[in-house]
Protein backbone atom coordinates (compact mmCIF):
# COMPACT_ATOMS: atom_id res chain seq x y z
CA MET A 1 2.32 -24.94 31.85
CA ILE A 2 1.07 -23.14 34.72
CA ARG A 3 4.22 -20.58 34.47
CA ALA A 4 3.85 -19.65 30.88
CA ALA A 5 -0.06 -19.56 31.29
CA THR A 6 0.68 -17.02 35.06
CA SER A 7 3.39 -14.99 32.79
CA ALA A 8 1.30 -14.38 29.66
CA LEU A 9 -1.66 -13.41 32.23
CA LEU A 10 0.46 -10.94 34.03
CA ALA A 11 1.58 -9.29 30.84
CA ILE A 12 -2.04 -9.01 30.24
CA ALA A 13 -3.01 -7.11 33.39
CA GLY A 14 0.58 -4.98 33.41
CA ILE A 15 -0.73 -3.84 29.81
CA CYS A 16 -4.62 -2.82 30.56
CA ALA A 17 -3.86 -2.16 34.65
CA PRO A 18 -2.64 1.23 33.70
CA LEU A 19 -5.33 2.18 31.44
CA LEU A 20 -8.71 1.30 33.94
CA MET A 21 -6.76 3.40 36.99
CA GLN A 22 -6.18 6.41 34.81
CA PRO A 23 -8.81 9.01 36.04
CA ALA A 24 -10.08 11.36 32.50
CA VAL A 25 -7.93 14.33 32.53
CA GLN A 26 -8.65 17.09 30.86
CA ALA A 27 -6.67 19.45 28.91
CA ALA A 28 -6.82 23.33 30.50
CA ASP A 29 -9.24 25.49 28.58
CA LEU A 30 -9.55 24.31 25.17
CA SER A 31 -10.93 27.40 24.12
CA SER A 32 -8.42 29.27 24.55
CA TYR A 33 -5.75 27.90 21.90
CA ALA A 34 -8.99 26.77 19.52
CA GLU A 35 -9.16 30.47 18.68
CA GLU A 36 -5.46 31.11 18.28
CA SER A 37 -4.74 28.79 15.44
CA ARG A 38 -6.41 27.20 12.37
CA SER A 39 -7.70 23.69 13.32
CA THR A 40 -4.41 21.25 13.15
CA VAL A 41 -3.79 18.01 14.14
CA CYS A 42 -1.77 19.39 17.00
CA ASN A 43 -4.58 21.51 18.64
CA THR A 44 -6.87 18.46 18.89
CA ALA A 45 -8.68 17.56 22.95
CA SER A 46 -7.61 13.53 22.53
CA VAL A 47 -4.10 14.93 21.32
CA LEU A 48 -3.85 17.51 24.39
CA ASN A 49 -5.31 14.73 26.89
CA ARG A 50 -3.32 12.35 25.75
CA ILE A 51 -0.17 14.65 26.30
CA THR A 52 -1.76 15.82 29.59
CA SER A 53 -2.02 12.29 30.89
CA LYS A 54 1.19 11.21 29.95
CA PHE A 55 2.75 14.21 31.41
CA ALA A 56 1.03 13.71 34.76
CA HIS A 57 2.37 9.62 34.91
CA GLN A 58 5.87 10.91 33.45
CA VAL A 59 6.16 13.50 36.60
CA ARG A 60 5.05 10.60 39.53
CA ASN A 61 7.24 7.95 38.05
CA VAL A 62 10.73 9.82 37.28
CA PRO A 63 12.81 10.09 40.04
CA ASP A 64 13.93 13.84 40.73
CA LEU A 65 11.18 15.38 38.47
CA PRO A 66 9.39 18.03 39.63
CA GLN A 67 5.51 17.70 40.60
CA VAL A 68 3.73 19.43 38.53
CA ALA A 69 1.01 19.69 36.01
CA ILE A 70 0.52 20.75 32.29
CA SER A 71 -2.39 23.57 33.17
CA ASP A 72 -2.93 25.17 29.70
CA PHE A 73 -2.00 25.27 26.12
CA HIS A 74 -1.25 28.23 23.57
CA ARG A 75 0.57 28.67 20.89
CA ILE A 76 0.25 25.09 19.26
CA HIS A 77 1.85 25.20 15.81
CA LEU A 78 2.22 22.14 13.00
CA ARG A 79 6.36 22.36 12.61
CA ARG A 80 6.35 19.55 10.00
CA SER A 81 3.77 17.40 8.49
CA GLU A 82 4.89 13.68 6.56
CA PRO A 83 1.74 12.63 4.63
CA ALA A 84 1.55 8.99 3.59
CA SER A 85 3.17 7.25 1.05
CA GLU A 86 4.60 4.13 -0.65
CA ARG A 87 7.84 4.90 1.46
CA TRP A 88 7.09 5.75 4.81
CA PRO A 89 3.41 4.83 4.90
CA ILE A 90 2.80 6.36 8.13
CA ALA A 91 1.52 9.71 8.81
CA ARG A 92 3.52 11.98 10.52
CA HIS A 93 2.74 15.51 12.07
CA TYR A 94 5.51 17.71 14.38
CA CYS A 95 3.59 19.87 16.35
CA GLY A 96 5.34 22.75 18.87
CA ALA A 97 3.82 24.66 22.08
CA LYS A 98 3.84 26.15 24.63
CA VAL A 99 2.69 24.41 28.58
CA THR A 100 1.59 26.29 31.63
CA LEU A 101 2.63 24.13 34.18
CA SER A 102 0.65 24.17 37.60
CA ASP A 103 4.03 26.09 38.68
CA GLY A 104 2.55 28.58 36.92
CA TYR A 105 5.91 28.50 34.36
CA ASP A 106 5.72 28.54 30.82
CA ARG A 107 7.96 25.70 28.62
CA ASP A 108 8.91 24.76 25.30
CA ILE A 109 6.78 21.50 24.22
CA TRP A 110 7.38 19.27 21.03
CA TYR A 111 5.00 16.23 20.35
CA LEU A 112 4.97 13.95 17.57
CA ILE A 113 1.48 12.45 16.52
CA GLU A 114 2.30 9.42 14.31
CA GLU A 115 -1.26 8.11 12.79
CA GLY A 116 -3.35 4.92 13.06
CA GLN A 117 -0.57 4.05 15.52
CA GLY A 118 -2.32 3.67 19.03
CA TYR A 119 -2.43 0.77 20.90
CA ALA A 120 -2.07 -2.43 18.82
CA SER A 121 -2.64 -0.06 15.80
CA ILE A 122 -6.45 0.14 16.09
CA ALA A 123 -6.82 2.43 19.34
CA GLY A 124 -6.04 6.02 17.26
CA ASP A 125 -2.83 7.60 17.25
CA ASN A 126 0.67 7.59 18.79
CA VAL A 127 1.54 10.57 20.77
CA GLU A 128 5.17 11.03 21.71
CA PHE A 129 6.08 14.14 23.79
CA CYS A 130 8.87 16.44 25.09
CA VAL A 131 8.95 19.00 27.60
CA SER A 132 11.58 21.11 27.87
CA GLY A 133 13.24 20.07 30.99
CA PHE A 134 12.00 17.59 31.88
CA ASP A 135 13.57 14.72 29.34
CA ARG A 136 15.92 13.50 32.25
CA TRP A 137 16.77 10.27 30.67
CA LEU A 138 17.48 12.42 27.76
CA VAL A 139 15.05 9.72 25.75
CA TYR A 140 14.33 12.35 22.97
CA ASN A 141 18.31 13.74 22.95
CA ALA A 142 18.87 16.70 24.28
CA SER A 143 16.96 19.70 24.52
CA CYS A 144 14.38 17.22 22.87
CA ARG A 145 16.40 17.09 19.68
CA VAL A 146 14.24 14.12 18.36
CA LEU A 147 11.27 15.78 18.15
CA LYS A 148 12.04 18.66 17.29
């Protein structure tokens, strides 16, 4: 019984710890991309901040990735949108952009926003992303194909 309680407590701590320990991350220069395209779900600050934060976590924890950060987003565009329906109850938005990294290089980024699929389906939207050249384990297939 004690082992089960300890395991449950460790599982909860494992889920909550990353949320409490991450510093607030701001997307770079929000004014620069707001003028480039009309307002869409792809260029909301919450989505871009989440991508920036998750990318920082990725480069810290995946071996052999360069230690860079996202400095700026530009050319943000909605590639495809799948509204919620009876057949597909989760609205999905496929987006693309360019990111400037802290090393000065620009990379393509593709991301998916699933509405209402955040933490426990109550904390906003789920955001999946792939930066060209940073998918070492081919999670999104070769060249980020799954999110294109």
